[in-house]
Amino acid sequence: MNRRKLLLCAFPAVALAITSGEARGGNAEAIALEAAAASLPKTLGALSVTLPEAIAKTELTSDQLRIEWRRAPRAGMVNVKFVITSNGVRKESWGRVEIGERVKVLVAKRALKNGQTIATGDLALSRRTVKRNNGWRLLPSALRGSRILADVAEGSIIDDTMLEAPTPLPRGHQIKIEISTGRLRVATSGVLERQARPGELTTIRLTENRRTVRVRLLSATRAKLVRK
C-alpha cells in the first residue's frame, strides 16, 4: 500500500478519520476502510472512513469488523453502523464512510512539466475512485495541444488546476453519440442545445427524432449517453 496520513476530524463524537491510500495495515482504520471498499458495488469505492475514537484505537482483524448500511450505498458521505465482534461480544457504533464513483478519468501517463503542451501519450483514461463529478471524463485526444499549468506527477488524476481546459463548443455543434447497452453499441448524432466543453455534462437534440438527451462530451466530435 501507499503511505497514508492520519487526519484529525472536526466532528465532536468522532476523533479520527482516514482516507483511501493513507491507512496502514493492522489497525481499525485500515480494516474499516477495506471493509467498506469490499462491501460496495463495482461502480463505487471508499474514499475515507470516520470512526468513533473508541473503535479507532482498537486493534482488529478483518473478520472482527463488518459494516451495516442503513440504505443502498451512494456517492457522498454516508452514515453507517460499524459492528465489532470479539470473543463472542458484539459492539455497535456509528461512523461515516465517504463514497466515490469508480469511473474512468484522465490521468498523467508520465510526469508533466509546467509551461509545456500536451502531446500524444501524455494522458490516459484510468478507472479510479473519485468524488462525484470530479475528474476529467473525456478522451485524451481532446486535450492534445493544451497548455500544462503546473508540474504534474505521473499517475495523478487530472483537474483544471493542472491543464488548460478544452475550448467550448458552440450551440448547434454537431456531435456523434454513443449508446451502450451491455455488449450492444449504437451510434447516432445530434446537435448541442447550448455551449459546452468536452468533459462536461450537457444536452443534445437528436437529429433523427428531435428528442433531447443528456450526454457527457468525450471530445469535440463524440459524446456518451448518460442514463438517469
C-alpha atoms as a PDB file:
ATOM      1  CA  MET A   1       0.000   0.000   0.000  1.00  0.00           C
ATOM      2  CA  ASN A   2       0.970   3.652  -0.433  1.00  0.00           C
ATOM      3  CA  ARG A   3       1.941   5.740   2.564  1.00  0.00           C
ATOM      4  CA  ARG A   4      -1.168   7.040   4.302  1.00  0.00           C
ATOM      5  CA  LYS A   5      -1.779  10.014   6.514  1.00  0.00           C
ATOM      6  CA  LEU A   6      -3.985  10.083   9.612  1.00  0.00           C
ATOM      7  CA  LEU A   7      -6.347  13.049   9.621  1.00  0.00           C
ATOM      8  CA  LEU A   8      -7.979  14.820  12.561  1.00  0.00           C
ATOM      9  CA  CYS A   9     -11.747  15.067  12.234  1.00  0.00           C
ATOM     10  CA  ALA A  10     -13.868  18.032  13.288  1.00  0.00           C
ATOM     11  CA  PHE A  11     -16.896  16.035  14.464  1.00  0.00           C
ATOM     12  CA  PRO A  12     -17.312  16.130  18.273  1.00  0.00           C
ATOM     13  CA  ALA A  13     -18.274  12.450  18.661  1.00  0.00           C
ATOM     14  CA  VAL A  14     -15.554  11.266  16.316  1.00  0.00           C
ATOM     15  CA  ALA A  15     -11.847  11.734  16.751  1.00  0.00           C
ATOM     16  CA  LEU A  16     -10.162  10.168  13.749  1.00  0.00           C
ATOM     17  CA  ALA A  17     -10.701   9.785  10.029  1.00  0.00           C
ATOM     18  CA  ILE A  18      -8.608   8.004   7.440  1.00  0.00           C
ATOM     19  CA  THR A  19      -8.627   8.305   3.673  1.00  0.00           C
ATOM     20  CA  SER A  20      -8.164   5.829   0.859  1.00  0.00           C
ATOM     21  CA  GLY A  21      -4.465   5.368   0.105  1.00  0.00           C
ATOM     22  CA  GLU A  22      -3.499   6.517   3.591  1.00  0.00           C
ATOM     23  CA  ALA A  23      -4.209   3.715   6.084  1.00  0.00           C
ATOM     24  CA  ARG A  24      -1.581   1.307   7.377  1.00  0.00           C
ATOM     25  CA  GLY A  25      -2.484  -2.337   7.935  1.00  0.00           C
ATOM     26  CA  GLY A  26      -3.029  -3.839  11.374  1.00  0.00           C
ATOM     27  CA  ASN A  27      -5.372  -1.203  12.853  1.00  0.00           C
ATOM     28  CA  ALA A  28      -9.075  -0.425  12.972  1.00  0.00           C
ATOM     29  CA  GLU A  29      -8.900   2.431  10.459  1.00  0.00           C
ATOM     30  CA  ALA A  30      -7.318   0.278   7.760  1.00  0.00           C
ATOM     31  CA  ILE A  31      -9.665  -2.632   8.483  1.00  0.00           C
ATOM     32  CA  ALA A  32     -12.732  -0.361   8.318  1.00  0.00           C
ATOM     33  CA  LEU A  33     -11.618   1.228   5.057  1.00  0.00           C
ATOM     34  CA  GLU A  34     -11.008  -2.155   3.460  1.00  0.00           C
ATOM     35  CA  ALA A  35     -14.341  -3.492   4.775  1.00  0.00           C
ATOM     36  CA  ALA A  36     -16.168  -0.515   3.299  1.00  0.00           C
ATOM     37  CA  ALA A  37     -14.495  -0.938  -0.093  1.00  0.00           C
ATOM     38  CA  ALA A  38     -15.209  -4.684  -0.174  1.00  0.00           C
ATOM     39  CA  SER A  39     -18.919  -4.194   0.538  1.00  0.00           C
ATOM     40  CA  LEU A  40     -19.541  -1.693  -2.259  1.00  0.00           C
ATOM     41  CA  PRO A  41     -20.660  -2.437  -5.841  1.00  0.00           C
ATOM     42  CA  LYS A  42     -18.091  -2.142  -8.642  1.00  0.00           C
ATOM     43  CA  THR A  43     -19.364   1.319  -9.591  1.00  0.00           C
ATOM     44  CA  LEU A  44     -18.469   2.779  -6.177  1.00  0.00           C
ATOM     45  CA  GLY A  45     -15.346   2.960  -3.994  1.00  0.00           C
ATOM     46  CA  ALA A  46     -14.464   4.013  -0.443  1.00  0.00           C
ATOM     47  CA  LEU A  47     -12.524   7.294  -0.185  1.00  0.00           C
ATOM     48  CA  SER A  48     -12.402   7.591   3.614  1.00  0.00           C
ATOM     49  CA  VAL A  49     -13.907   6.354   6.861  1.00  0.00           C
ATOM     50  CA  THR A  50     -14.606   8.324  10.033  1.00  0.00           C
ATOM     51  CA  LEU A  51     -14.604   6.233  13.195  1.00  0.00           C
ATOM     52  CA  PRO A  52     -15.588   6.828  16.830  1.00  0.00           C
ATOM     53  CA  GLU A  53     -12.462   7.215  18.933  1.00  0.00           C
ATOM     54  CA  ALA A  54     -13.176   4.001  20.865  1.00  0.00           C
ATOM     55  CA  ILE A  55     -13.050   1.969  17.651  1.00  0.00           C
ATOM     56  CA  ALA A  56     -10.215   3.947  16.060  1.00  0.00           C
ATOM     57  CA  LYS A  57      -7.850   2.983  18.900  1.00  0.00           C
ATOM     58  CA  THR A  58      -8.770  -0.723  18.729  1.00  0.00           C
ATOM     59  CA  GLU A  59      -6.576  -3.375  17.164  1.00  0.00           C
ATOM     60  CA  LEU A  60      -8.784  -5.602  14.993  1.00  0.00           C
ATOM     61  CA  THR A  61      -8.627  -8.352  12.409  1.00  0.00           C
ATOM     62  CA  SER A  62     -10.710  -8.278   9.239  1.00  0.00           C
ATOM     63  CA  ASP A  63     -13.121 -10.940  10.497  1.00  0.00           C
ATOM     64  CA  GLN A  64     -13.964  -8.925  13.635  1.00  0.00           C
ATOM     65  CA  LEU A  65     -15.427  -5.867  11.906  1.00  0.00           C
ATOM     66  CA  ARG A  66     -18.260  -5.519   9.445  1.00  0.00           C
ATOM     67  CA  ILE A  67     -20.345  -2.642   8.146  1.00  0.00           C
ATOM     68  CA  GLU A  68     -24.134  -2.392   8.112  1.00  0.00           C
ATOM     69  CA  TRP A  69     -25.602   0.053   5.606  1.00  0.00           C
ATOM     70  CA  ARG A  70     -28.804   1.906   6.513  1.00  0.00           C
ATOM     71  CA  ARG A  71     -29.729   2.077   2.828  1.00  0.00           C
ATOM     72  CA  ALA A  72     -28.213   1.276  -0.547  1.00  0.00           C
ATOM     73  CA  PRO A  73     -24.751   2.934  -0.799  1.00  0.00           C
ATOM     74  CA  ARG A  74     -24.447   6.052  -2.959  1.00  0.00           C
ATOM     75  CA  ALA A  75     -21.731   8.564  -3.754  1.00  0.00           C
ATOM     76  CA  GLY A  76     -21.180  11.068  -0.957  1.00  0.00           C
ATOM     77  CA  MET A  77     -20.806  10.968   2.824  1.00  0.00           C
ATOM     78  CA  VAL A  78     -22.930   8.164   4.305  1.00  0.00           C
ATOM     79  CA  ASN A  79     -23.707   7.218   7.916  1.00  0.00           C
ATOM     80  CA  VAL A  80     -23.035   3.526   8.634  1.00  0.00           C
ATOM     81  CA  LYS A  81     -23.026   1.145  11.579  1.00  0.00           C
ATOM     82  CA  PHE A  82     -19.708  -0.497  12.488  1.00  0.00           C
ATOM     83  CA  VAL A  83     -20.214  -3.873  14.164  1.00  0.00           C
ATOM     84  CA  ILE A  84     -17.309  -5.417  16.098  1.00  0.00           C
ATOM     85  CA  THR A  85     -17.469  -8.994  17.314  1.00  0.00           C
ATOM     86  CA  SER A  86     -14.672 -10.147  19.616  1.00  0.00           C
ATOM     87  CA  ASN A  87     -14.625 -13.141  21.975  1.00  0.00           C
ATOM     88  CA  GLY A  88     -18.347 -13.577  21.427  1.00  0.00           C
ATOM     89  CA  VAL A  89     -19.132  -9.985  22.426  1.00  0.00           C
ATOM     90  CA  ARG A  90     -20.860  -7.745  19.857  1.00  0.00           C
ATOM     91  CA  LYS A  91     -20.399  -3.965  19.943  1.00  0.00           C
ATOM     92  CA  GLU A  92     -22.037  -1.433  17.642  1.00  0.00           C
ATOM     93  CA  SER A  93     -21.092   2.149  16.877  1.00  0.00           C
ATOM     94  CA  TRP A  94     -21.991   4.726  14.243  1.00  0.00           C
ATOM     95  CA  GLY A  95     -19.486   6.326  11.885  1.00  0.00           C
ATOM     96  CA  ARG A  96     -19.280   7.618   8.342  1.00  0.00           C
ATOM     97  CA  VAL A  97     -17.938   6.433   5.007  1.00  0.00           C
ATOM     98  CA  GLU A  98     -17.124   8.813   2.165  1.00  0.00           C
ATOM     99  CA  ILE A  99     -18.064   7.043  -1.060  1.00  0.00           C
ATOM    100  CA  GLY A 100     -16.773   7.970  -4.507  1.00  0.00           C
ATOM    101  CA  GLU A 101     -17.658   6.918  -8.019  1.00  0.00           C
ATOM    102  CA  ARG A 102     -15.496   4.294  -9.767  1.00  0.00           C
ATOM    103  CA  VAL A 103     -15.170   5.811 -13.227  1.00  0.00           C
ATOM    104  CA  LYS A 104     -12.649   6.307 -15.980  1.00  0.00           C
ATOM    105  CA  VAL A 105     -10.914   9.654 -15.633  1.00  0.00           C
ATOM    106  CA  LEU A 106      -7.879  11.241 -17.227  1.00  0.00           C
ATOM    107  CA  VAL A 107      -4.546  10.609 -15.506  1.00  0.00           C
ATOM    108  CA  ALA A 108      -0.998  11.643 -16.315  1.00  0.00           C
ATOM    109  CA  LYS A 109       0.721   8.777 -18.110  1.00  0.00           C
ATOM    110  CA  ARG A 110       4.083  10.390 -17.415  1.00  0.00           C
ATOM    111  CA  ALA A 111       5.367  13.382 -15.418  1.00  0.00           C
ATOM    112  CA  LEU A 112       4.196  16.661 -16.995  1.00  0.00           C
ATOM    113  CA  LYS A 113       6.127  19.940 -16.833  1.00  0.00           C
ATOM    114  CA  ASN A 114       4.604  23.363 -16.268  1.00  0.00           C
ATOM    115  CA  GLY A 115       4.537  25.510 -19.417  1.00  0.00           C
ATOM    116  CA  GLN A 116       4.716  22.641 -21.911  1.00  0.00           C
ATOM    117  CA  THR A 117       1.807  21.381 -24.009  1.00  0.00           C
ATOM    118  CA  ILE A 118       0.043  18.020 -24.031  1.00  0.00           C
ATOM    119  CA  ALA A 119       1.271  15.580 -26.672  1.00  0.00           C
ATOM    120  CA  THR A 120       0.096  12.138 -27.756  1.00  0.00           C
ATOM    121  CA  GLY A 121       0.830   9.618 -24.989  1.00  0.00           C
ATOM    122  CA  ASP A 122       0.901  12.145 -22.126  1.00  0.00           C
ATOM    123  CA  LEU A 123      -2.582  11.230 -20.839  1.00  0.00           C
ATOM    124  CA  ALA A 124      -4.649   8.075 -20.449  1.00  0.00           C
ATOM    125  CA  LEU A 125      -8.056   7.033 -19.149  1.00  0.00           C
ATOM    126  CA  SER A 126      -7.867   5.008 -15.941  1.00  0.00           C
ATOM    127  CA  ARG A 127     -10.627   3.701 -13.650  1.00  0.00           C
ATOM    128  CA  ARG A 128     -10.291   5.475 -10.300  1.00  0.00           C
ATOM    129  CA  THR A 129     -12.410   6.277  -7.263  1.00  0.00           C
ATOM    130  CA  VAL A 130     -13.237   9.995  -7.271  1.00  0.00           C
ATOM    131  CA  LYS A 131     -15.751  12.280  -5.606  1.00  0.00           C
ATOM    132  CA  ARG A 132     -18.990  12.650  -7.514  1.00  0.00           C
ATOM    133  CA  ASN A 133     -18.467  14.521 -10.809  1.00  0.00           C
ATOM    134  CA  ASN A 134     -14.749  15.027 -10.060  1.00  0.00           C
ATOM    135  CA  GLY A 135     -12.042  14.160 -12.575  1.00  0.00           C
ATOM    136  CA  TRP A 136     -11.977  14.890 -16.276  1.00  0.00           C
ATOM    137  CA  ARG A 137     -14.033  12.273 -18.127  1.00  0.00           C
ATOM    138  CA  LEU A 138     -13.047  12.817 -21.721  1.00  0.00           C
ATOM    139  CA  LEU A 139     -10.782  11.312 -24.345  1.00  0.00           C
ATOM    140  CA  PRO A 140      -7.053  12.119 -24.088  1.00  0.00           C
ATOM    141  CA  SER A 141      -7.107  13.361 -27.684  1.00  0.00           C
ATOM    142  CA  ALA A 142      -9.486  16.183 -26.654  1.00  0.00           C
ATOM    143  CA  LEU A 143      -6.632  17.820 -24.724  1.00  0.00           C
ATOM    144  CA  ARG A 144      -3.855  17.422 -27.275  1.00  0.00           C
ATOM    145  CA  GLY A 145      -2.075  20.781 -27.504  1.00  0.00           C
ATOM    146  CA  SER A 146      -3.469  22.073 -24.195  1.00  0.00           C
ATOM    147  CA  ARG A 147      -1.050  24.080 -22.043  1.00  0.00           C
ATOM    148  CA  ILE A 148       0.195  22.479 -18.816  1.00  0.00           C
ATOM    149  CA  LEU A 149      -0.453  24.861 -15.890  1.00  0.00           C
ATOM    150  CA  ALA A 150       1.607  23.121 -13.173  1.00  0.00           C
ATOM    151  CA  ASP A 151       4.042  20.265 -12.694  1.00  0.00           C
ATOM    152  CA  VAL A 152       2.041  17.015 -12.588  1.00  0.00           C
ATOM    153  CA  ALA A 153       3.329  13.733 -11.156  1.00  0.00           C
ATOM    154  CA  GLU A 154       2.929  10.525 -13.127  1.00  0.00           C
ATOM    155  CA  GLY A 155      -0.363   8.810 -12.286  1.00  0.00           C
ATOM    156  CA  SER A 156      -2.077  11.966 -10.979  1.00  0.00           C
ATOM    157  CA  ILE A 157      -5.774  12.471 -11.695  1.00  0.00           C
ATOM    158  CA  ILE A 158      -6.079  15.490 -13.982  1.00  0.00           C
ATOM    159  CA  ASP A 159      -8.129  18.540 -12.981  1.00  0.00           C
ATOM    160  CA  ASP A 160      -8.491  22.146 -14.123  1.00  0.00           C
ATOM    161  CA  THR A 161      -5.595  23.344 -11.947  1.00  0.00           C
ATOM    162  CA  MET A 162      -3.173  21.221 -13.977  1.00  0.00           C
ATOM    163  CA  LEU A 163      -4.194  21.725 -17.597  1.00  0.00           C
ATOM    164  CA  GLU A 164      -5.801  24.350 -19.761  1.00  0.00           C
ATOM    165  CA  ALA A 165      -9.448  23.401 -20.302  1.00  0.00           C
ATOM    166  CA  PRO A 166     -10.566  22.468 -23.836  1.00  0.00           C
ATOM    167  CA  THR A 167     -12.227  25.139 -25.990  1.00  0.00           C
ATOM    168  CA  PRO A 168     -16.017  25.430 -25.513  1.00  0.00           C
ATOM    169  CA  LEU A 169     -18.144  24.083 -28.359  1.00  0.00           C
ATOM    170  CA  PRO A 170     -20.920  26.382 -29.649  1.00  0.00           C
ATOM    171  CA  ARG A 171     -24.659  25.759 -29.542  1.00  0.00           C
ATOM    172  CA  GLY A 172     -25.671  23.790 -32.648  1.00  0.00           C
ATOM    173  CA  HIS A 173     -22.322  21.961 -32.881  1.00  0.00           C
ATOM    174  CA  GLN A 174     -22.722  18.504 -34.482  1.00  0.00           C
ATOM    175  CA  ILE A 175     -21.872  15.556 -32.210  1.00  0.00           C
ATOM    176  CA  LYS A 176     -21.796  11.762 -32.670  1.00  0.00           C
ATOM    177  CA  ILE A 177     -23.453   9.995 -29.714  1.00  0.00           C
ATOM    178  CA  GLU A 178     -22.588   6.538 -28.415  1.00  0.00           C
ATOM    179  CA  ILE A 179     -25.343   4.483 -26.756  1.00  0.00           C
ATOM    180  CA  SER A 180     -24.229   1.284 -24.975  1.00  0.00           C
ATOM    181  CA  THR A 181     -26.475  -1.446 -23.551  1.00  0.00           C
ATOM    182  CA  GLY A 182     -24.445  -4.440 -22.412  1.00  0.00           C
ATOM    183  CA  ARG A 183     -22.404  -5.502 -25.434  1.00  0.00           C
ATOM    184  CA  LEU A 184     -24.683  -3.650 -27.856  1.00  0.00           C
ATOM    185  CA  ARG A 185     -23.406  -0.290 -29.072  1.00  0.00           C
ATOM    186  CA  VAL A 186     -25.397   2.085 -31.241  1.00  0.00           C
ATOM    187  CA  ALA A 187     -24.276   5.391 -32.726  1.00  0.00           C
ATOM    188  CA  THR A 188     -26.481   8.329 -33.605  1.00  0.00           C
ATOM    189  CA  SER A 189     -25.981  12.075 -33.955  1.00  0.00           C
ATOM    190  CA  GLY A 190     -27.336  15.370 -32.711  1.00  0.00           C
ATOM    191  CA  VAL A 191     -26.512  18.994 -32.000  1.00  0.00           C
ATOM    192  CA  LEU A 192     -25.645  20.826 -28.793  1.00  0.00           C
ATOM    193  CA  GLU A 193     -28.523  22.679 -27.142  1.00  0.00           C
ATOM    194  CA  ARG A 194     -26.066  25.117 -25.521  1.00  0.00           C
ATOM    195  CA  GLN A 195     -22.356  25.895 -25.367  1.00  0.00           C
ATOM    196  CA  ALA A 196     -20.324  23.221 -23.542  1.00  0.00           C
ATOM    197  CA  ARG A 197     -16.752  21.981 -23.170  1.00  0.00           C
ATOM    198  CA  PRO A 198     -15.539  18.422 -23.775  1.00  0.00           C
ATOM    199  CA  GLY A 199     -15.805  16.544 -20.474  1.00  0.00           C
ATOM    200  CA  GLU A 200     -18.952  18.359 -19.341  1.00  0.00           C
ATOM    201  CA  LEU A 201     -22.486  17.068 -18.962  1.00  0.00           C
ATOM    202  CA  THR A 202     -24.855  18.751 -21.392  1.00  0.00           C
ATOM    203  CA  THR A 203     -27.975  18.298 -23.537  1.00  0.00           C
ATOM    204  CA  ILE A 204     -28.090  17.296 -27.199  1.00  0.00           C
ATOM    205  CA  ARG A 205     -31.044  17.326 -29.590  1.00  0.00           C
ATOM    206  CA  LEU A 206     -31.097  14.156 -31.687  1.00  0.00           C
ATOM    207  CA  THR A 207     -31.103  14.627 -35.451  1.00  0.00           C
ATOM    208  CA  GLU A 208     -33.418  11.690 -36.209  1.00  0.00           C
ATOM    209  CA  ASN A 209     -36.380  12.478 -33.920  1.00  0.00           C
ATOM    210  CA  ARG A 210     -35.640  15.890 -32.345  1.00  0.00           C
ATOM    211  CA  ARG A 211     -35.680  14.432 -28.826  1.00  0.00           C
ATOM    212  CA  THR A 212     -33.278  15.892 -26.265  1.00  0.00           C
ATOM    213  CA  VAL A 213     -30.957  13.590 -24.326  1.00  0.00           C
ATOM    214  CA  ARG A 214     -28.352  14.162 -21.610  1.00  0.00           C
ATOM    215  CA  VAL A 215     -24.795  13.273 -22.571  1.00  0.00           C
ATOM    216  CA  ARG A 216     -21.197  13.677 -21.481  1.00  0.00           C
ATOM    217  CA  LEU A 217     -18.961  15.209 -24.139  1.00  0.00           C
ATOM    218  CA  LEU A 218     -15.918  12.991 -24.711  1.00  0.00           C
ATOM    219  CA  SER A 219     -14.288  15.213 -27.335  1.00  0.00           C
ATOM    220  CA  ALA A 220     -15.218  17.883 -29.892  1.00  0.00           C
ATOM    221  CA  THR A 221     -16.963  15.234 -32.013  1.00  0.00           C
ATOM    222  CA  ARG A 222     -18.093  12.449 -29.642  1.00  0.00           C
ATOM    223  CA  ALA A 223     -20.447  12.133 -26.668  1.00  0.00           C
ATOM    224  CA  LYS A 224     -21.764   9.311 -24.497  1.00  0.00           C
ATOM    225  CA  LEU A 225     -25.391   8.985 -23.388  1.00  0.00           C
ATOM    226  CA  VAL A 226     -25.868   9.493 -19.638  1.00  0.00           C
ATOM    227  CA  ARG A 227     -28.544   7.287 -18.139  1.00  0.00           C
ATOM    228  CA  LYS A 228     -30.587   8.632 -15.228  1.00  0.00           C
END
